[in-house]
Amino acid sequence: MAAVKIKDYSHGVMLIANNLLSGLSVYLNSDHQWLLLENLAQGKAAVAYSEQEAAELLASINPDDFLCPVVDPYIIQLDGNGKPSHSRELLRATGPSIRYGAQATQGTNDVSI
């Protein structure tokens, strides 16, 4: 993914990626673990408030490392509620509208319209 230009750091930014095994969107927490958005405890997300902090956060991930559990990590901007501010990222955070793979066996009935 091309670098995302962040215009405003006042609400912070965080790192998003796709889990290599499940394909789900995951977020980096302050303990350097990748979690689903709903599993991020309040205040536990790894949030940066400046361009330098964001660059350091992104540099802390090495997607070329054989043991790296994610692909396509990049920085996203947050809104005042700590949620992704862009509609594309909000959709990624809430997941696909049609469940597949392991999600399909969890009893959800989500369907795109």
N, C-alpha and C. Protein backbone atom coordinates (compact mmCIF):
# COMPACT_ATOMS: atom_id res chain seq x y z
N MET A 1 0.85 -1.18 0.00
CA MET A 1 0.00 0.00 0.00
C MET A 1 0.89 1.23 0.00
N ALA A 2 0.48 2.21 -0.74
CA ALA A 2 1.22 3.48 -0.79
C ALA A 2 1.10 4.19 0.55
N ALA A 3 2.08 5.00 0.84
CA ALA A 3 2.08 5.74 2.10
C ALA A 3 0.86 6.65 2.17
N VAL A 4 0.22 6.65 3.31
CA VAL A 4 -0.96 7.48 3.53
C VAL A 4 -0.49 8.81 4.11
N LYS A 5 -0.93 9.91 3.52
CA LYS A 5 -0.56 11.24 4.01
C LYS A 5 -1.53 11.63 5.12
N ILE A 6 -1.01 11.76 6.31
CA ILE A 6 -1.81 12.15 7.47
C ILE A 6 -1.80 13.66 7.56
N LYS A 7 -3.00 14.24 7.65
CA LYS A 7 -3.13 15.69 7.69
C LYS A 7 -3.19 16.24 9.11
N ASP A 8 -3.67 15.42 10.04
CA ASP A 8 -3.92 15.92 11.39
C ASP A 8 -3.57 14.83 12.40
N TYR A 9 -2.66 15.12 13.30
CA TYR A 9 -2.25 14.16 14.32
C TYR A 9 -2.92 14.43 15.67
N SER A 10 -3.84 15.38 15.74
CA SER A 10 -4.41 15.79 17.02
C SER A 10 -5.18 14.66 17.71
N HIS A 11 -5.81 13.77 16.95
CA HIS A 11 -6.54 12.64 17.54
C HIS A 11 -5.70 11.37 17.53
N GLY A 12 -4.54 11.43 16.93
CA GLY A 12 -3.64 10.29 16.90
C GLY A 12 -3.80 9.46 15.63
N VAL A 13 -2.84 8.58 15.45
CA VAL A 13 -2.85 7.62 14.35
C VAL A 13 -2.47 6.27 14.94
N MET A 14 -2.86 5.20 14.25
CA MET A 14 -2.47 3.87 14.69
C MET A 14 -2.11 3.01 13.49
N LEU A 15 -1.57 1.84 13.77
CA LEU A 15 -1.10 0.95 12.73
C LEU A 15 -2.14 -0.14 12.48
N ILE A 16 -2.48 -0.34 11.19
CA ILE A 16 -3.41 -1.37 10.78
C ILE A 16 -2.68 -2.30 9.82
N ALA A 17 -3.09 -3.56 9.79
CA ALA A 17 -2.50 -4.54 8.87
C ALA A 17 -3.51 -5.66 8.69
N ASN A 18 -3.17 -6.64 7.88
CA ASN A 18 -3.99 -7.83 7.72
C ASN A 18 -3.27 -9.02 8.33
N ASN A 19 -4.00 -9.79 9.12
CA ASN A 19 -3.45 -11.01 9.70
C ASN A 19 -3.14 -11.97 8.57
N LEU A 20 -1.94 -12.51 8.57
CA LEU A 20 -1.48 -13.37 7.49
C LEU A 20 -2.31 -14.63 7.34
N LEU A 21 -2.80 -15.20 8.43
CA LEU A 21 -3.55 -16.45 8.36
C LEU A 21 -5.04 -16.25 8.10
N SER A 22 -5.66 -15.28 8.78
CA SER A 22 -7.11 -15.11 8.66
C SER A 22 -7.50 -14.08 7.61
N GLY A 23 -6.60 -13.15 7.30
CA GLY A 23 -6.93 -12.07 6.37
C GLY A 23 -7.67 -10.92 7.02
N LEU A 24 -7.99 -11.04 8.31
CA LEU A 24 -8.74 -10.00 9.00
C LEU A 24 -7.86 -8.79 9.30
N SER A 25 -8.49 -7.63 9.39
CA SER A 25 -7.77 -6.41 9.76
C SER A 25 -7.44 -6.46 11.24
N VAL A 26 -6.20 -6.15 11.56
CA VAL A 26 -5.74 -6.15 12.95
C VAL A 26 -5.01 -4.84 13.23
N TYR A 27 -4.93 -4.50 14.50
CA TYR A 27 -4.37 -3.23 14.94
C TYR A 27 -3.30 -3.50 15.99
N LEU A 28 -2.26 -2.69 15.98
CA LEU A 28 -1.16 -2.87 16.91
C LEU A 28 -1.52 -2.25 18.26
N ASN A 29 -1.32 -3.03 19.34
CA ASN A 29 -1.57 -2.47 20.66
C ASN A 29 -0.26 -2.03 21.29
N SER A 30 -0.35 -1.44 22.46
CA SER A 30 0.84 -0.88 23.11
C SER A 30 1.80 -1.96 23.59
N ASP A 31 1.37 -3.20 23.64
CA ASP A 31 2.23 -4.33 24.00
C ASP A 31 2.85 -4.98 22.77
N HIS A 32 2.69 -4.33 21.62
CA HIS A 32 3.23 -4.79 20.34
C HIS A 32 2.61 -6.11 19.89
N GLN A 33 1.31 -6.26 20.14
CA GLN A 33 0.55 -7.42 19.69
C GLN A 33 -0.49 -6.94 18.69
N TRP A 34 -0.84 -7.81 17.74
CA TRP A 34 -1.84 -7.48 16.73
C TRP A 34 -3.18 -8.02 17.18
N LEU A 35 -4.20 -7.14 17.29
CA LEU A 35 -5.52 -7.53 17.77
C LEU A 35 -6.61 -6.99 16.85
N LEU A 36 -7.77 -7.65 16.88
CA LEU A 36 -8.95 -7.11 16.21
C LEU A 36 -9.35 -5.84 16.94
N LEU A 37 -10.00 -4.92 16.23
CA LEU A 37 -10.37 -3.63 16.83
C LEU A 37 -11.21 -3.82 18.09
N GLU A 38 -12.15 -4.75 18.07
CA GLU A 38 -13.02 -4.94 19.23
C GLU A 38 -12.28 -5.54 20.43
N ASN A 39 -11.09 -6.09 20.19
CA ASN A 39 -10.30 -6.66 21.28
C ASN A 39 -9.28 -5.68 21.86
N LEU A 40 -9.18 -4.51 21.26
CA LEU A 40 -8.27 -3.49 21.81
C LEU A 40 -8.92 -2.88 23.04
N ALA A 41 -8.28 -3.04 24.18
CA ALA A 41 -8.80 -2.43 25.41
C ALA A 41 -8.64 -0.91 25.31
N GLN A 42 -9.56 -0.21 25.92
CA GLN A 42 -9.51 1.25 25.92
C GLN A 42 -8.14 1.73 26.40
N GLY A 43 -7.51 2.55 25.61
CA GLY A 43 -6.22 3.10 25.99
C GLY A 43 -5.04 2.18 25.75
N LYS A 44 -5.26 1.01 25.17
CA LYS A 44 -4.17 0.06 24.96
C LYS A 44 -3.65 0.05 23.53
N ALA A 45 -4.27 0.80 22.65
CA ALA A 45 -3.79 0.85 21.27
C ALA A 45 -2.47 1.60 21.21
N ALA A 46 -1.62 1.21 20.29
CA ALA A 46 -0.36 1.93 20.07
C ALA A 46 -0.70 3.14 19.21
N VAL A 47 -0.82 4.30 19.83
CA VAL A 47 -1.24 5.51 19.14
C VAL A 47 -0.07 6.50 19.11
N ALA A 48 0.13 7.10 17.93
CA ALA A 48 1.17 8.12 17.76
C ALA A 48 0.49 9.47 17.56
N TYR A 49 1.13 10.53 18.06
CA TYR A 49 0.56 11.87 17.96
C TYR A 49 1.44 12.85 17.19
N SER A 50 2.43 12.31 16.46
CA SER A 50 3.26 13.17 15.62
C SER A 50 3.75 12.34 14.44
N GLU A 51 4.24 13.03 13.43
CA GLU A 51 4.76 12.33 12.26
C GLU A 51 5.96 11.46 12.63
N GLN A 52 6.81 11.95 13.52
CA GLN A 52 7.98 11.19 13.94
C GLN A 52 7.57 9.93 14.71
N GLU A 53 6.63 10.06 15.64
CA GLU A 53 6.15 8.90 16.39
C GLU A 53 5.52 7.87 15.45
N ALA A 54 4.76 8.35 14.46
CA ALA A 54 4.13 7.45 13.49
C ALA A 54 5.17 6.71 12.67
N ALA A 55 6.22 7.41 12.26
CA ALA A 55 7.30 6.77 11.48
C ALA A 55 8.01 5.72 12.33
N GLU A 56 8.23 6.01 13.61
CA GLU A 56 8.87 5.05 14.50
C GLU A 56 7.98 3.82 14.72
N LEU A 57 6.68 4.04 14.84
CA LEU A 57 5.75 2.94 15.01
C LEU A 57 5.76 2.03 13.79
N LEU A 58 5.72 2.62 12.62
CA LEU A 58 5.74 1.84 11.38
C LEU A 58 7.08 1.13 11.21
N ALA A 59 8.17 1.79 11.58
CA ALA A 59 9.49 1.19 11.45
C ALA A 59 9.69 0.02 12.41
N SER A 60 8.89 -0.04 13.47
CA SER A 60 9.02 -1.12 14.44
C SER A 60 8.51 -2.46 13.92
N ILE A 61 7.80 -2.42 12.80
CA ILE A 61 7.25 -3.63 12.19
C ILE A 61 8.09 -3.98 10.98
N ASN A 62 8.49 -5.24 10.88
CA ASN A 62 9.25 -5.70 9.72
C ASN A 62 8.43 -6.76 8.99
N PRO A 63 7.61 -6.34 8.01
CA PRO A 63 6.77 -7.32 7.32
C PRO A 63 7.56 -8.33 6.50
N ASP A 64 8.86 -8.08 6.28
CA ASP A 64 9.69 -9.03 5.55
C ASP A 64 10.26 -10.13 6.46
N ASP A 65 10.09 -9.96 7.78
CA ASP A 65 10.54 -10.96 8.73
C ASP A 65 9.68 -12.22 8.55
N PHE A 66 10.34 -13.36 8.47
CA PHE A 66 9.65 -14.63 8.24
C PHE A 66 8.58 -14.90 9.30
N LEU A 67 8.79 -14.45 10.53
CA LEU A 67 7.86 -14.70 11.62
C LEU A 67 6.80 -13.62 11.79
N CYS A 68 6.82 -12.61 10.96
CA CYS A 68 5.85 -11.52 11.07
C CYS A 68 4.44 -12.05 10.77
N PRO A 69 3.47 -11.84 11.68
CA PRO A 69 2.12 -12.40 11.51
C PRO A 69 1.20 -11.55 10.64
N VAL A 70 1.70 -10.45 10.08
CA VAL A 70 0.83 -9.56 9.32
C VAL A 70 1.44 -9.20 7.97
N VAL A 71 0.57 -8.71 7.08
CA VAL A 71 1.01 -8.16 5.80
C VAL A 71 0.37 -6.79 5.63
N ASP A 72 0.99 -5.96 4.83
CA ASP A 72 0.47 -4.64 4.46
C ASP A 72 0.21 -3.70 5.64
N PRO A 73 1.17 -3.54 6.57
CA PRO A 73 0.95 -2.60 7.67
C PRO A 73 1.06 -1.15 7.20
N TYR A 74 0.17 -0.29 7.68
CA TYR A 74 0.26 1.13 7.39
C TYR A 74 -0.47 1.94 8.46
N ILE A 75 -0.20 3.23 8.47
CA ILE A 75 -0.73 4.16 9.46
C ILE A 75 -2.10 4.67 9.03
N ILE A 76 -3.04 4.72 9.99
CA ILE A 76 -4.35 5.30 9.72
C ILE A 76 -4.64 6.41 10.72
N GLN A 77 -5.43 7.37 10.29
CA GLN A 77 -5.81 8.50 11.12
C GLN A 77 -7.03 8.13 11.95
N LEU A 78 -7.08 8.62 13.20
CA LEU A 78 -8.20 8.36 14.09
C LEU A 78 -9.08 9.59 14.23
N ASP A 79 -10.36 9.35 14.55
CA ASP A 79 -11.26 10.46 14.82
C ASP A 79 -11.23 10.78 16.31
N GLY A 80 -12.07 11.66 16.77
CA GLY A 80 -12.08 12.06 18.17
C GLY A 80 -12.50 10.97 19.14
N ASN A 81 -13.08 9.87 18.62
CA ASN A 81 -13.51 8.76 19.47
C ASN A 81 -12.53 7.59 19.45
N GLY A 82 -11.37 7.78 18.81
CA GLY A 82 -10.39 6.72 18.75
C GLY A 82 -10.68 5.65 17.71
N LYS A 83 -11.59 5.94 16.80
CA LYS A 83 -11.95 5.02 15.72
C LYS A 83 -11.34 5.52 14.41
N PRO A 84 -11.19 4.63 13.43
CA PRO A 84 -10.67 5.08 12.13
C PRO A 84 -11.52 6.21 11.57
N SER A 85 -10.85 7.25 11.03
CA SER A 85 -11.59 8.43 10.57
C SER A 85 -12.04 8.33 9.12
N HIS A 86 -11.43 7.48 8.33
CA HIS A 86 -11.76 7.37 6.91
C HIS A 86 -12.74 6.21 6.72
N SER A 87 -13.68 6.37 5.81
CA SER A 87 -14.70 5.34 5.61
C SER A 87 -14.10 3.99 5.20
N ARG A 88 -13.03 4.01 4.41
CA ARG A 88 -12.41 2.75 4.00
C ARG A 88 -11.88 2.00 5.21
N GLU A 89 -11.24 2.72 6.12
CA GLU A 89 -10.68 2.09 7.31
C GLU A 89 -11.77 1.66 8.28
N LEU A 90 -12.86 2.41 8.33
CA LEU A 90 -13.98 2.03 9.17
C LEU A 90 -14.59 0.72 8.69
N LEU A 91 -14.70 0.56 7.37
CA LEU A 91 -15.20 -0.70 6.81
C LEU A 91 -14.25 -1.85 7.12
N ARG A 92 -12.96 -1.60 7.01
CA ARG A 92 -11.99 -2.64 7.36
C ARG A 92 -12.11 -3.01 8.83
N ALA A 93 -12.36 -2.03 9.68
CA ALA A 93 -12.45 -2.28 11.12
C ALA A 93 -13.65 -3.12 11.48
N THR A 94 -14.75 -2.92 10.79
CA THR A 94 -15.97 -3.66 11.11
C THR A 94 -16.06 -4.99 10.38
N GLY A 95 -15.14 -5.23 9.47
CA GLY A 95 -15.08 -6.53 8.80
C GLY A 95 -15.92 -6.60 7.55
N PRO A 96 -15.81 -7.71 6.85
CA PRO A 96 -16.55 -7.87 5.59
C PRO A 96 -18.04 -8.05 5.86
N SER A 97 -18.84 -7.69 4.88
CA SER A 97 -20.28 -7.85 5.05
C SER A 97 -20.73 -9.27 4.71
N ILE A 98 -19.87 -10.05 4.12
CA ILE A 98 -20.13 -11.47 3.89
C ILE A 98 -19.03 -12.24 4.61
N ARG A 99 -19.41 -13.13 5.51
CA ARG A 99 -18.42 -13.90 6.27
C ARG A 99 -17.90 -15.04 5.41
N TYR A 100 -16.64 -15.39 5.63
CA TYR A 100 -16.00 -16.45 4.87
C TYR A 100 -15.02 -17.19 5.76
N GLY A 101 -14.59 -18.34 5.33
CA GLY A 101 -13.60 -19.10 6.09
C GLY A 101 -14.08 -19.41 7.49
N ALA A 102 -13.20 -19.20 8.46
CA ALA A 102 -13.52 -19.49 9.86
C ALA A 102 -14.69 -18.65 10.35
N GLN A 103 -14.85 -17.45 9.81
CA GLN A 103 -15.96 -16.58 10.23
C GLN A 103 -17.31 -17.20 9.88
N ALA A 104 -17.37 -17.92 8.78
CA ALA A 104 -18.63 -18.50 8.33
C ALA A 104 -19.16 -19.54 9.30
N THR A 105 -18.29 -20.15 10.08
CA THR A 105 -18.72 -21.19 11.01
C THR A 105 -19.02 -20.66 12.40
N GLN A 106 -18.96 -19.35 12.59
CA GLN A 106 -19.19 -18.77 13.91
C GLN A 106 -20.65 -18.35 14.13
N GLY A 107 -21.53 -18.74 13.25
CA GLY A 107 -22.94 -18.49 13.46
C GLY A 107 -23.42 -17.09 13.09
N THR A 108 -22.63 -16.31 12.37
CA THR A 108 -23.09 -14.99 11.98
C THR A 108 -23.85 -15.09 10.67
N ASN A 109 -24.78 -14.19 10.47
CA ASN A 109 -25.60 -14.19 9.25
C ASN A 109 -25.46 -12.90 8.49
N ASP A 110 -24.28 -12.31 8.46
CA ASP A 110 -24.06 -11.05 7.76
C ASP A 110 -24.12 -11.27 6.26
N VAL A 111 -24.84 -10.40 5.57
CA VAL A 111 -24.98 -10.50 4.13
C VAL A 111 -24.94 -9.10 3.53
N SER A 112 -24.22 -8.92 2.45
CA SER A 112 -24.22 -7.64 1.75
C SER A 112 -25.54 -7.44 1.05
N ILE A 113 -25.95 -6.19 0.95
CA ILE A 113 -27.18 -5.85 0.23
C ILE A 113 -26.83 -4.92 -0.90
